[in-house]
Amino acid sequence: MLCLFIQDKFGISVGKTQMAIDCAILIASFFFVSPSIIAISILGAVMLNLVLAMNHKPTRYVVTYG
């Protein structure tokens, strides 16, 4: 939902927004989680973003606020 909102308001694609959020979370996790868990998380984030990039069409969803 947050990514769709950002796409509507600022024109930034959902895939790029999701990747930026995922990167911020992973960078913050370096202080709390073991490197092996972070590696698995990076793999999952890359796979999720590939699916979003391949399947998401900006005109497919219409979001209304209010």
PDB file of N, CA and C in Angstrom:
ATOM      1  N   MET A   1       0.814  -1.178   0.000  1.00  0.00           N
ATOM      2  CA  MET A   1       0.000   0.000   0.000  1.00  0.00           C
ATOM      3  C   MET A   1       0.870   1.259   0.000  1.00  0.00           C
ATOM      4  N   LEU A   2       1.898   1.258   0.821  1.00  0.00           N
ATOM      5  CA  LEU A   2       2.782   2.419   0.885  1.00  0.00           C
ATOM      6  C   LEU A   2       3.443   2.655  -0.471  1.00  0.00           C
ATOM      7  N   CYS A   3       3.868   1.583  -1.119  1.00  0.00           N
ATOM      8  CA  CYS A   3       4.532   1.726  -2.419  1.00  0.00           C
ATOM      9  C   CYS A   3       3.577   2.256  -3.484  1.00  0.00           C
ATOM     10  N   LEU A   4       2.324   1.803  -3.452  1.00  0.00           N
ATOM     11  CA  LEU A   4       1.341   2.315  -4.406  1.00  0.00           C
ATOM     12  C   LEU A   4       1.056   3.795  -4.157  1.00  0.00           C
ATOM     13  N   PHE A   5       0.991   4.180  -2.891  1.00  0.00           N
ATOM     14  CA  PHE A   5       0.788   5.589  -2.540  1.00  0.00           C
ATOM     15  C   PHE A   5       1.936   6.439  -3.066  1.00  0.00           C
ATOM     16  N   ILE A   6       3.165   5.987  -2.856  1.00  0.00           N
ATOM     17  CA  ILE A   6       4.338   6.728  -3.326  1.00  0.00           C
ATOM     18  C   ILE A   6       4.346   6.813  -4.847  1.00  0.00           C
ATOM     19  N   GLN A   7       3.931   5.738  -5.509  1.00  0.00           N
ATOM     20  CA  GLN A   7       3.855   5.769  -6.975  1.00  0.00           C
ATOM     21  C   GLN A   7       2.849   6.805  -7.448  1.00  0.00           C
ATOM     22  N   ASP A   8       1.692   6.845  -6.801  1.00  0.00           N
ATOM     23  CA  ASP A   8       0.659   7.803  -7.208  1.00  0.00           C
ATOM     24  C   ASP A   8       1.075   9.245  -6.947  1.00  0.00           C
ATOM     25  N   LYS A   9       1.684   9.502  -5.811  1.00  0.00           N
ATOM     26  CA  LYS A   9       2.005  10.874  -5.430  1.00  0.00           C
ATOM     27  C   LYS A   9       3.286  11.407  -6.062  1.00  0.00           C
ATOM     28  N   PHE A  10       4.299  10.537  -6.217  1.00  0.00           N
ATOM     29  CA  PHE A  10       5.608  11.010  -6.669  1.00  0.00           C
ATOM     30  C   PHE A  10       6.063  10.412  -7.986  1.00  0.00           C
ATOM     31  N   GLY A  11       5.342   9.424  -8.512  1.00  0.00           N
ATOM     32  CA  GLY A  11       5.699   8.830  -9.795  1.00  0.00           C
ATOM     33  C   GLY A  11       6.874   7.869  -9.745  1.00  0.00           C
ATOM     34  N   ILE A  12       7.264   7.438  -8.551  1.00  0.00           N
ATOM     35  CA  ILE A  12       8.363   6.473  -8.408  1.00  0.00           C
ATOM     36  C   ILE A  12       7.771   5.073  -8.481  1.00  0.00           C
ATOM     37  N   SER A  13       8.368   4.199  -9.280  1.00  0.00           N
ATOM     38  CA  SER A  13       7.794   2.870  -9.497  1.00  0.00           C
ATOM     39  C   SER A  13       7.748   2.062  -8.204  1.00  0.00           C
ATOM     40  N   VAL A  14       6.802   1.143  -8.150  1.00  0.00           N
ATOM     41  CA  VAL A  14       6.605   0.293  -6.982  1.00  0.00           C
ATOM     42  C   VAL A  14       7.845  -0.553  -6.711  1.00  0.00           C
ATOM     43  N   GLY A  15       8.443  -1.099  -7.737  1.00  0.00           N
ATOM     44  CA  GLY A  15       9.619  -1.948  -7.567  1.00  0.00           C
ATOM     45  C   GLY A  15      10.787  -1.193  -6.951  1.00  0.00           C
ATOM     46  N   LYS A  16      11.027   0.030  -7.410  1.00  0.00           N
ATOM     47  CA  LYS A  16      12.124   0.832  -6.860  1.00  0.00           C
ATOM     48  C   LYS A  16      11.847   1.211  -5.411  1.00  0.00           C
ATOM     49  N   THR A  17      10.610   1.574  -5.114  1.00  0.00           N
ATOM     50  CA  THR A  17      10.251   1.936  -3.749  1.00  0.00           C
ATOM     51  C   THR A  17      10.392   0.743  -2.819  1.00  0.00           C
ATOM     52  N   GLN A  18       9.910  -0.408  -3.263  1.00  0.00           N
ATOM     53  CA  GLN A  18      10.007  -1.614  -2.433  1.00  0.00           C
ATOM     54  C   GLN A  18      11.470  -1.986  -2.202  1.00  0.00           C
ATOM     55  N   MET A  19      12.311  -1.862  -3.232  1.00  0.00           N
ATOM     56  CA  MET A  19      13.727  -2.173  -3.082  1.00  0.00           C
ATOM     57  C   MET A  19      14.395  -1.217  -2.099  1.00  0.00           C
ATOM     58  N   ALA A  20      14.048   0.063  -2.137  1.00  0.00           N
ATOM     59  CA  ALA A  20      14.619   1.034  -1.212  1.00  0.00           C
ATOM     60  C   ALA A  20      14.224   0.716   0.234  1.00  0.00           C
ATOM     61  N   ILE A  21      12.974   0.359   0.450  1.00  0.00           N
ATOM     62  CA  ILE A  21      12.515   0.001   1.793  1.00  0.00           C
ATOM     63  C   ILE A  21      13.216  -1.259   2.268  1.00  0.00           C
ATOM     64  N   ASP A  22      13.317  -2.263   1.395  1.00  0.00           N
ATOM     65  CA  ASP A  22      14.004  -3.498   1.753  1.00  0.00           C
ATOM     66  C   ASP A  22      15.470  -3.242   2.097  1.00  0.00           C
ATOM     67  N   CYS A  23      16.137  -2.400   1.334  1.00  0.00           N
ATOM     68  CA  CYS A  23      17.544  -2.077   1.609  1.00  0.00           C
ATOM     69  C   CYS A  23      17.697  -1.383   2.954  1.00  0.00           C
ATOM     70  N   ALA A  24      16.805  -0.469   3.264  1.00  0.00           N
ATOM     71  CA  ALA A  24      16.871   0.229   4.550  1.00  0.00           C
ATOM     72  C   ALA A  24      16.699  -0.748   5.711  1.00  0.00           C
ATOM     73  N   ILE A  25      15.775  -1.677   5.578  1.00  0.00           N
ATOM     74  CA  ILE A  25      15.558  -2.676   6.623  1.00  0.00           C
ATOM     75  C   ILE A  25      16.779  -3.581   6.768  1.00  0.00           C
ATOM     76  N   LEU A  26      17.342  -4.014   5.646  1.00  0.00           N
ATOM     77  CA  LEU A  26      18.509  -4.890   5.704  1.00  0.00           C
ATOM     78  C   LEU A  26      19.735  -4.191   6.278  1.00  0.00           C
ATOM     79  N   ILE A  27      19.928  -2.933   5.940  1.00  0.00           N
ATOM     80  CA  ILE A  27      21.054  -2.180   6.502  1.00  0.00           C
ATOM     81  C   ILE A  27      20.898  -2.048   8.019  1.00  0.00           C
ATOM     82  N   ALA A  28      19.703  -1.772   8.469  1.00  0.00           N
ATOM     83  CA  ALA A  28      19.456  -1.660   9.912  1.00  0.00           C
ATOM     84  C   ALA A  28      19.652  -3.001  10.616  1.00  0.00           C
ATOM     85  N   SER A  29      19.369  -4.109   9.925  1.00  0.00           N
ATOM     86  CA  SER A  29      19.470  -5.423  10.557  1.00  0.00           C
ATOM     87  C   SER A  29      20.913  -5.884  10.761  1.00  0.00           C
ATOM     88  N   PHE A  30      21.877  -5.248  10.106  1.00  0.00           N
ATOM     89  CA  PHE A  30      23.277  -5.636  10.281  1.00  0.00           C
ATOM     90  C   PHE A  30      23.716  -5.549  11.747  1.00  0.00           C
ATOM     91  N   PHE A  31      23.060  -4.715  12.526  1.00  0.00           N
ATOM     92  CA  PHE A  31      23.423  -4.535  13.921  1.00  0.00           C
ATOM     93  C   PHE A  31      22.777  -5.564  14.851  1.00  0.00           C
ATOM     94  N   PHE A  32      21.800  -6.326  14.349  1.00  0.00           N
ATOM     95  CA  PHE A  32      21.027  -7.196  15.226  1.00  0.00           C
ATOM     96  C   PHE A  32      21.012  -8.671  14.834  1.00  0.00           C
ATOM     97  N   VAL A  33      21.334  -8.995  13.585  1.00  0.00           N
ATOM     98  CA  VAL A  33      21.120 -10.344  13.061  1.00  0.00           C
ATOM     99  C   VAL A  33      22.433 -10.899  12.504  1.00  0.00           C
ATOM    100  N   SER A  34      22.549 -12.217  12.507  1.00  0.00           N
ATOM    101  CA  SER A  34      23.765 -12.859  11.998  1.00  0.00           C
ATOM    102  C   SER A  34      23.862 -12.710  10.473  1.00  0.00           C
ATOM    103  N   PRO A  35      25.084 -12.742   9.944  1.00  0.00           N
ATOM    104  CA  PRO A  35      25.281 -12.582   8.495  1.00  0.00           C
ATOM    105  C   PRO A  35      24.556 -13.628   7.644  1.00  0.00           C
ATOM    106  N   SER A  36      24.413 -14.858   8.141  1.00  0.00           N
ATOM    107  CA  SER A  36      23.720 -15.880   7.349  1.00  0.00           C
ATOM    108  C   SER A  36      22.234 -15.545   7.192  1.00  0.00           C
ATOM    109  N   ILE A  37      21.624 -15.036   8.226  1.00  0.00           N
ATOM    110  CA  ILE A  37      20.211 -14.635   8.148  1.00  0.00           C
ATOM    111  C   ILE A  37      20.056 -13.439   7.213  1.00  0.00           C
ATOM    112  N   ILE A  38      20.990 -12.517   7.261  1.00  0.00           N
ATOM    113  CA  ILE A  38      20.944 -11.356   6.367  1.00  0.00           C
ATOM    114  C   ILE A  38      21.076 -11.796   4.910  1.00  0.00           C
ATOM    115  N   ALA A  39      21.946 -12.768   4.644  1.00  0.00           N
ATOM    116  CA  ALA A  39      22.109 -13.273   3.273  1.00  0.00           C
ATOM    117  C   ALA A  39      20.809 -13.890   2.758  1.00  0.00           C
ATOM    118  N   ILE A  40      20.132 -14.652   3.605  1.00  0.00           N
ATOM    119  CA  ILE A  40      18.843 -15.245   3.209  1.00  0.00           C
ATOM    120  C   ILE A  40      17.811 -14.143   2.980  1.00  0.00           C
ATOM    121  N   SER A  41      17.819 -13.119   3.803  1.00  0.00           N
ATOM    122  CA  SER A  41      16.894 -12.002   3.649  1.00  0.00           C
ATOM    123  C   SER A  41      17.154 -11.244   2.351  1.00  0.00           C
ATOM    124  N   ILE A  42      18.414 -11.052   2.018  1.00  0.00           N
ATOM    125  CA  ILE A  42      18.752 -10.375   0.756  1.00  0.00           C
ATOM    126  C   ILE A  42      18.238 -11.180  -0.426  1.00  0.00           C
ATOM    127  N   LEU A  43      18.433 -12.492  -0.387  1.00  0.00           N
ATOM    128  CA  LEU A  43      17.927 -13.349  -1.462  1.00  0.00           C
ATOM    129  C   LEU A  43      16.413 -13.227  -1.593  1.00  0.00           C
ATOM    130  N   GLY A  44      15.712 -13.243  -0.465  1.00  0.00           N
ATOM    131  CA  GLY A  44      14.252 -13.103  -0.487  1.00  0.00           C
ATOM    132  C   GLY A  44      13.813 -11.753  -1.022  1.00  0.00           C
ATOM    133  N   ALA A  45      14.511 -10.688  -0.630  1.00  0.00           N
ATOM    134  CA  ALA A  45      14.162  -9.349  -1.104  1.00  0.00           C
ATOM    135  C   ALA A  45      14.381  -9.225  -2.607  1.00  0.00           C
ATOM    136  N   VAL A  46      15.471  -9.780  -3.105  1.00  0.00           N
ATOM    137  CA  VAL A  46      15.742  -9.734  -4.547  1.00  0.00           C
ATOM    138  C   VAL A  46      14.669 -10.504  -5.309  1.00  0.00           C
ATOM    139  N   MET A  47      14.303 -11.670  -4.817  1.00  0.00           N
ATOM    140  CA  MET A  47      13.268 -12.466  -5.495  1.00  0.00           C
ATOM    141  C   MET A  47      11.926 -11.739  -5.499  1.00  0.00           C
ATOM    142  N   LEU A  48      11.555 -11.140  -4.363  1.00  0.00           N
ATOM    143  CA  LEU A  48      10.292 -10.390  -4.291  1.00  0.00           C
ATOM    144  C   LEU A  48      10.289  -9.237  -5.278  1.00  0.00           C
ATOM    145  N   ASN A  49      11.380  -8.505  -5.337  1.00  0.00           N
ATOM    146  CA  ASN A  49      11.445  -7.361  -6.235  1.00  0.00           C
ATOM    147  C   ASN A  49      11.472  -7.767  -7.693  1.00  0.00           C
ATOM    148  N   LEU A  50      12.047  -8.906  -8.013  1.00  0.00           N
ATOM    149  CA  LEU A  50      11.987  -9.410  -9.392  1.00  0.00           C
ATOM    150  C   LEU A  50      10.552  -9.740  -9.781  1.00  0.00           C
ATOM    151  N   VAL A  51       9.819 -10.368  -8.886  1.00  0.00           N
ATOM    152  CA  VAL A  51       8.411 -10.683  -9.164  1.00  0.00           C
ATOM    153  C   VAL A  51       7.615  -9.401  -9.357  1.00  0.00           C
ATOM    154  N   LEU A  52       7.835  -8.409  -8.483  1.00  0.00           N
ATOM    155  CA  LEU A  52       7.142  -7.126  -8.642  1.00  0.00           C
ATOM    156  C   LEU A  52       7.496  -6.463  -9.968  1.00  0.00           C
ATOM    157  N   ALA A  53       8.770  -6.458 -10.301  1.00  0.00           N
ATOM    158  CA  ALA A  53       9.210  -5.801 -11.531  1.00  0.00           C
ATOM    159  C   ALA A  53       8.629  -6.475 -12.769  1.00  0.00           C
ATOM    160  N   MET A  54       8.507  -7.798 -12.741  1.00  0.00           N
ATOM    161  CA  MET A  54       8.001  -8.520 -13.910  1.00  0.00           C
ATOM    162  C   MET A  54       6.490  -8.435 -14.050  1.00  0.00           C
ATOM    163  N   ASN A  55       5.772  -8.335 -12.934  1.00  0.00           N
ATOM    164  CA  ASN A  55       4.314  -8.450 -12.985  1.00  0.00           C
ATOM    165  C   ASN A  55       3.545  -7.165 -12.772  1.00  0.00           C
ATOM    166  N   HIS A  56       4.150  -6.161 -12.189  1.00  0.00           N
ATOM    167  CA  HIS A  56       3.402  -4.952 -11.858  1.00  0.00           C
ATOM    168  C   HIS A  56       3.307  -4.013 -13.059  1.00  0.00           C
ATOM    169  N   LYS A  57       2.101  -3.584 -13.333  1.00  0.00           N
ATOM    170  CA  LYS A  57       1.842  -2.591 -14.370  1.00  0.00           C
ATOM    171  C   LYS A  57       1.230  -1.376 -13.679  1.00  0.00           C
ATOM    172  N   PRO A  58       1.827  -0.196 -13.818  1.00  0.00           N
ATOM    173  CA  PRO A  58       1.322   0.986 -13.103  1.00  0.00           C
ATOM    174  C   PRO A  58      -0.145   1.295 -13.355  1.00  0.00           C
ATOM    175  N   THR A  59      -0.664   0.939 -14.509  1.00  0.00           N
ATOM    176  CA  THR A  59      -2.066   1.251 -14.824  1.00  0.00           C
ATOM    177  C   THR A  59      -3.022   0.161 -14.377  1.00  0.00           C
ATOM    178  N   ARG A  60      -2.512  -0.929 -13.826  1.00  0.00           N
ATOM    179  CA  ARG A  60      -3.372  -2.040 -13.430  1.00  0.00           C
ATOM    180  C   ARG A  60      -4.229  -1.708 -12.215  1.00  0.00           C
ATOM    181  N   TYR A  61      -3.699  -0.930 -11.288  1.00  0.00           N
ATOM    182  CA  TYR A  61      -4.397  -0.653 -10.043  1.00  0.00           C
ATOM    183  C   TYR A  61      -4.766   0.828  -9.977  1.00  0.00           C
ATOM    184  N   VAL A  62      -5.972   1.070  -9.526  1.00  0.00           N
ATOM    185  CA  VAL A  62      -6.430   2.439  -9.332  1.00  0.00           C
ATOM    186  C   VAL A  62      -6.653   2.621  -7.834  1.00  0.00           C
ATOM    187  N   VAL A  63      -5.942   3.560  -7.238  1.00  0.00           N
ATOM    188  CA  VAL A  63      -6.047   3.801  -5.811  1.00  0.00           C
ATOM    189  C   VAL A  63      -6.787   5.115  -5.612  1.00  0.00           C
ATOM    190  N   THR A  64      -7.806   5.080  -4.763  1.00  0.00           N
ATOM    191  CA  THR A  64      -8.526   6.297  -4.441  1.00  0.00           C
ATOM    192  C   THR A  64      -8.370   6.562  -2.951  1.00  0.00           C
ATOM    193  N   TYR A  65      -8.201   7.805  -2.605  1.00  0.00           N
ATOM    194  CA  TYR A  65      -8.016   8.209  -1.212  1.00  0.00           C
ATOM    195  C   TYR A  65      -9.218   9.036  -0.793  1.00  0.00           C
ATOM    196  N   GLY A  66      -9.675   8.759   0.385  1.00  0.00           N
ATOM    197  CA  GLY A  66     -10.691   9.655   0.887  1.00  0.00           C
ATOM    198  C   GLY A  66     -11.913   9.008   1.268  1.00  0.00           C
TER     199      GLY A  66
END
